[in-house]
Each structure stands twice: as structure tokens, then as C-alpha cells.
Amino acid sequence: MWAQARKIAFVEDVANSPLAKRPYDLRHACVSMWLNAGVEPPRVAEWAGHSVRVLLEVYAKCLDSGEQLARQRVEQALR
């Protein structure tokens, strides 16, 4: 059913790609987006039904891209 829905929803090139290959991929993308948007990990964990520990084990790589923003936030807090 999912494969059929992808063929209907996507153009052929995208349908033949790994994008959203499984419904879980959409969930993973959503949780990753929340983290990258700066939503606090405890809140994301609650929304996703994870513990914070599991959330950080699975999605820690999503948090690596925010180094500069994190440093700016710390500098701002220290002012």
C-alpha cells in the first residue's frame, strides 16, 4: 500500500529514490526537523513518545549541525 501511495504522490524519479521509502522515514524526518528547529530534546522526546536517552541515541547526529547557533546562544546568555 505504501509503495502504491508513493507512486501516486511522487514523480517517477522521486518514487524510484529512497526518499520516504517507509512510513517510519517520515517520522524520522519529522523528529529530526523538530530538533534542528531548536525544539528542546525533552519536548521532542515527549512528542515522539521516546525517552530523552533513546531520542539522543537515535537522533544525536541531527544536533551536530547546530554548533555555531549553540555558541551564539551561550554568548548571548552571558551578556
Protein backbone atom coordinates (compact mmCIF):
# COMPACT_ATOMS: atom_id res chain seq x y z
CA MET A 1 0.00 0.00 0.00
CA TRP A 2 2.81 2.43 0.91
CA ALA A 3 4.65 1.73 -2.35
CA GLN A 4 1.47 2.45 -4.31
CA ALA A 5 0.90 5.71 -2.42
CA ARG A 6 4.47 6.81 -3.17
CA LYS A 7 3.98 6.13 -6.88
CA ILE A 8 0.83 8.27 -6.87
CA ALA A 9 2.27 11.09 -4.76
CA PHE A 10 5.76 11.39 -6.25
CA VAL A 11 7.12 11.98 -9.72
CA GLU A 12 8.82 8.87 -11.12
CA ASP A 13 12.40 9.89 -10.22
CA VAL A 14 11.46 10.52 -6.60
CA ALA A 15 9.31 7.38 -6.38
CA ASN A 16 12.35 5.37 -7.52
CA SER A 17 14.60 7.01 -4.92
CA PRO A 18 14.95 6.05 -1.23
CA LEU A 19 13.04 9.19 -0.13
CA ALA A 20 10.29 8.18 2.31
CA LYS A 21 10.79 4.54 1.41
CA ARG A 22 8.99 3.52 4.62
CA PRO A 23 6.37 5.37 6.69
CA TYR A 24 8.93 5.39 9.53
CA ASP A 25 11.15 7.60 7.34
CA LEU A 26 8.55 10.37 7.59
CA ARG A 27 8.53 10.10 11.38
CA HIS A 28 12.33 10.18 11.47
CA ALA A 29 12.34 13.26 9.22
CA CYS A 30 9.78 14.99 11.44
CA VAL A 31 11.67 14.33 14.68
CA SER A 32 14.93 15.42 13.03
CA MET A 33 13.28 18.63 11.83
CA TRP A 34 11.98 19.42 15.31
CA LEU A 35 15.47 19.02 16.76
CA ASN A 36 17.09 21.07 14.00
CA ALA A 37 14.46 23.78 14.54
CA GLY A 38 15.69 24.11 18.12
CA VAL A 39 12.83 22.41 19.96
CA GLU A 40 14.17 21.20 23.31
CA PRO A 41 15.06 17.47 23.35
CA PRO A 42 12.80 16.67 26.35
CA ARG A 43 9.82 18.17 24.49
CA VAL A 44 10.69 16.35 21.24
CA ALA A 45 11.07 13.11 23.19
CA GLU A 46 7.63 13.58 24.70
CA TRP A 47 6.03 14.40 21.32
CA ALA A 48 7.72 11.38 19.71
CA GLY A 49 6.97 9.00 22.59
CA HIS A 50 10.65 8.42 23.33
CA SER A 51 12.71 8.78 26.45
CA VAL A 52 15.31 11.55 26.18
CA ARG A 53 18.03 8.86 26.29
CA VAL A 54 16.58 6.99 23.30
CA LEU A 55 15.94 10.24 21.43
CA LEU A 56 19.56 11.34 21.82
CA GLU A 57 20.94 7.92 20.93
CA VAL A 58 18.93 7.76 17.70
CA TYR A 59 18.94 11.42 16.67
CA ALA A 60 22.20 12.80 18.12
CA LYS A 61 23.59 13.28 14.61
CA CYS A 62 20.82 15.83 13.98
CA LEU A 63 22.17 18.02 16.75
CA ASP A 64 25.72 18.22 15.39
CA SER A 65 24.86 20.87 12.82
CA GLY A 66 23.93 23.49 15.43
CA GLU A 67 27.41 24.25 16.75
CA GLN A 68 27.51 27.90 15.73
CA LEU A 69 23.97 28.61 16.89
CA ALA A 70 24.66 26.97 20.26
CA ARG A 71 27.78 29.10 20.75
CA GLN A 72 25.81 32.24 19.88
CA ARG A 73 23.14 31.33 22.41
CA VAL A 74 25.75 30.84 25.14
CA GLU A 75 27.40 34.17 24.30
CA GLN A 76 24.02 35.88 24.39
CA ALA A 77 23.17 34.33 27.76
CA LEU A 78 26.46 35.52 29.22
CA ARG A 79 25.83 39.15 28.28
